C-alpha cells in the first residue's frame, strides 16, 4: 500500500488535503500536517513518533511545501528509511497525479513532477488562446 503525507508550514497542507478530497473524494491514504502550529509545535518530535509507528512495508510519499524550507529539511532526513520518498513543491496538480497514479514509485514521482510543471503558466501569455476558446 502507498500513503501520502502532506507537510507544510502552517495550514497549507490541511487546505491542500481539503482541495484534493473535493476533487478526488475522501481518501484514507492522505494525511496532512501543519508544522509550527498548536497541533504540531515540534515537527521533529511529531515525525519521530510518526515514523516509529509506521509500517515499513508501506510506501510513504511525503510532499512538502517548499524546497529548502525547514519542513522540507526535516522531512528529508527520513528519505533514507525504507520506502520513504520526499517530494518538494506541493501543488494540487502534483498531489493529484501522485494519488491517482499506479506506476512504480520512482516513475510516478517523475511523471507527477512533470505534470505539475506543465500546469504552471503565466496566463498573460495564454491570452490569445483563451480568447479564441470563447
Protein backbone atom coordinates (compact mmCIF):
# COMPACT_ATOMS: atom_id res chain seq x y z
CA UNK A 1 0.00 0.00 0.00
CA UNK A 2 1.04 3.59 -0.59
CA UNK A 3 0.38 6.50 1.77
CA UNK A 4 0.83 10.23 1.33
CA UNK A 5 1.83 12.77 3.95
CA UNK A 6 1.32 16.42 3.03
CA UNK A 7 3.56 18.60 5.19
CA UNK A 8 3.77 22.37 5.27
CA UNK A 9 4.50 25.44 7.30
CA UNK A 10 1.22 26.40 8.95
CA UNK A 11 -2.06 25.27 7.44
CA UNK A 12 -1.25 24.89 3.73
CA UNK A 13 -1.18 21.07 3.91
CA UNK A 14 -4.66 20.96 5.50
CA UNK A 15 -6.05 23.17 2.74
CA UNK A 16 -4.35 21.05 0.09
CA UNK A 17 -5.86 17.86 1.53
CA UNK A 18 -9.28 19.52 1.53
CA UNK A 19 -8.87 20.60 -2.10
CA UNK A 20 -7.68 17.17 -3.21
CA UNK A 21 -10.60 15.47 -1.47
CA UNK A 22 -13.06 17.89 -3.11
CA UNK A 23 -11.76 16.70 -6.47
CA UNK A 24 -10.88 13.05 -5.81
CA UNK A 25 -13.17 12.19 -2.91
CA UNK A 26 -12.33 11.32 0.69
CA UNK A 27 -9.15 9.28 0.99
CA UNK A 28 -7.74 7.26 3.86
CA UNK A 29 -4.29 7.25 2.30
CA UNK A 30 -3.67 11.00 2.68
CA UNK A 31 -2.69 12.75 5.90
CA UNK A 32 -1.85 16.42 6.34
CA UNK A 33 0.31 18.06 8.95
CA UNK A 34 0.95 21.72 9.58
CA UNK A 35 4.27 22.40 11.25
CA UNK A 36 4.74 25.10 13.87
CA UNK A 37 1.06 25.17 14.75
CA UNK A 38 -0.74 24.44 18.04
CA UNK A 39 -1.29 20.87 16.87
CA UNK A 40 2.34 20.28 15.86
CA UNK A 41 4.64 22.79 17.56
CA UNK A 42 7.60 20.36 17.46
CA UNK A 43 7.86 18.86 13.99
CA UNK A 44 10.85 16.64 14.78
CA UNK A 45 9.17 15.03 17.80
CA UNK A 46 5.95 14.51 15.84
CA UNK A 47 7.77 12.91 12.90
CA UNK A 48 9.96 10.71 15.06
CA UNK A 49 6.81 9.25 16.64
CA UNK A 50 5.07 9.01 13.26
CA UNK A 51 7.98 7.12 11.71
CA UNK A 52 8.34 4.84 14.71
CA UNK A 53 4.71 3.72 14.32
CA UNK A 54 4.55 3.37 10.52
CA UNK A 55 4.55 0.10 8.63
CA UNK A 56 7.90 -0.01 6.82
CA UNK A 57 6.43 -2.22 4.09
CA UNK A 58 4.14 0.62 3.01
CA UNK A 59 5.43 3.25 0.62
CA UNK A 60 5.26 6.70 2.18
CA UNK A 61 5.39 9.71 -0.11
CA UNK A 62 5.98 12.92 1.83
CA UNK A 63 5.09 16.06 -0.12
CA UNK A 64 6.44 19.30 1.34
CA UNK A 65 5.61 22.88 0.54
CA UNK A 66 8.98 24.47 -0.12
CA UNK A 67 12.30 23.06 -1.31
CA UNK A 68 14.98 24.01 1.21
CA UNK A 69 12.44 25.16 3.79
CA UNK A 70 12.56 23.94 7.36
CA UNK A 71 9.71 21.45 6.83
CA UNK A 72 11.40 20.01 3.75
CA UNK A 73 14.74 19.85 5.52
CA UNK A 74 13.19 17.97 8.44
CA UNK A 75 11.33 15.54 6.18
CA UNK A 76 14.39 14.93 4.03
CA UNK A 77 16.08 13.29 6.99
CA UNK A 78 13.64 10.37 6.65
CA UNK A 79 14.26 9.69 2.96
CA UNK A 80 16.93 7.15 3.81
CA UNK A 81 14.39 4.94 5.57
CA UNK A 82 12.93 2.05 3.57
CA UNK A 83 10.06 3.04 1.28
CA UNK A 84 10.11 6.76 2.18
CA UNK A 85 10.15 9.31 -0.64
CA UNK A 86 10.24 13.09 -0.24
CA UNK A 87 8.97 15.48 -2.91
CA UNK A 88 9.14 19.28 -2.54
CA UNK A 89 6.96 21.92 -4.18
CA UNK A 90 3.43 20.94 -3.17
CA UNK A 91 0.66 21.98 -5.52
CA UNK A 92 -2.69 20.46 -6.45
CA UNK A 93 -1.55 19.07 -9.81
CA UNK A 94 1.40 17.32 -8.18
CA UNK A 95 -0.63 15.78 -5.38
CA UNK A 96 -3.49 14.70 -7.67
CA UNK A 97 -1.08 12.96 -10.02
CA UNK A 98 0.64 11.23 -7.14
CA UNK A 99 -2.51 9.91 -5.51
CA UNK A 100 -4.14 8.80 -8.76
CA UNK A 101 -1.10 7.04 -10.19
CA UNK A 102 -0.40 3.35 -10.03
CA UNK A 103 3.08 3.19 -11.58
CA UNK A 104 6.24 2.25 -9.74
CA UNK A 105 7.02 4.94 -7.21
CA UNK A 106 10.07 6.39 -8.97
CA UNK A 107 8.23 6.60 -12.30
CA UNK A 108 5.13 8.02 -10.63
CA UNK A 109 7.09 10.75 -8.86
CA UNK A 110 8.94 11.76 -12.04
CA UNK A 111 5.72 11.85 -14.10
CA UNK A 112 3.85 13.76 -11.38
CA UNK A 113 6.56 16.42 -11.16
CA UNK A 114 6.49 16.85 -14.94
CA UNK A 115 2.69 17.08 -14.98
CA UNK A 116 2.77 19.68 -12.19
CA UNK A 117 5.34 21.76 -14.09
CA UNK A 118 3.10 21.73 -17.15
CA UNK A 119 0.23 23.16 -15.08
CA UNK A 120 2.20 26.29 -14.17
CA UNK A 121 1.51 29.07 -16.64
CA UNK A 122 1.56 32.83 -16.78
CA UNK A 123 -1.94 33.45 -18.13
CA UNK A 124 -0.97 36.71 -19.81
CA UNK A 125 0.94 34.55 -22.28
CA UNK A 126 -2.19 32.45 -22.77
CA UNK A 127 -4.47 35.43 -23.51
CA UNK A 128 -4.85 34.81 -27.24
CA UNK A 129 -5.66 31.11 -26.90
CA UNK A 130 -8.15 31.71 -24.09
CA UNK A 131 -9.96 34.42 -26.04
CA UNK A 132 -10.20 32.13 -29.07
CA UNK A 133 -11.88 29.46 -26.96
CA UNK A 134 -14.78 31.78 -26.10
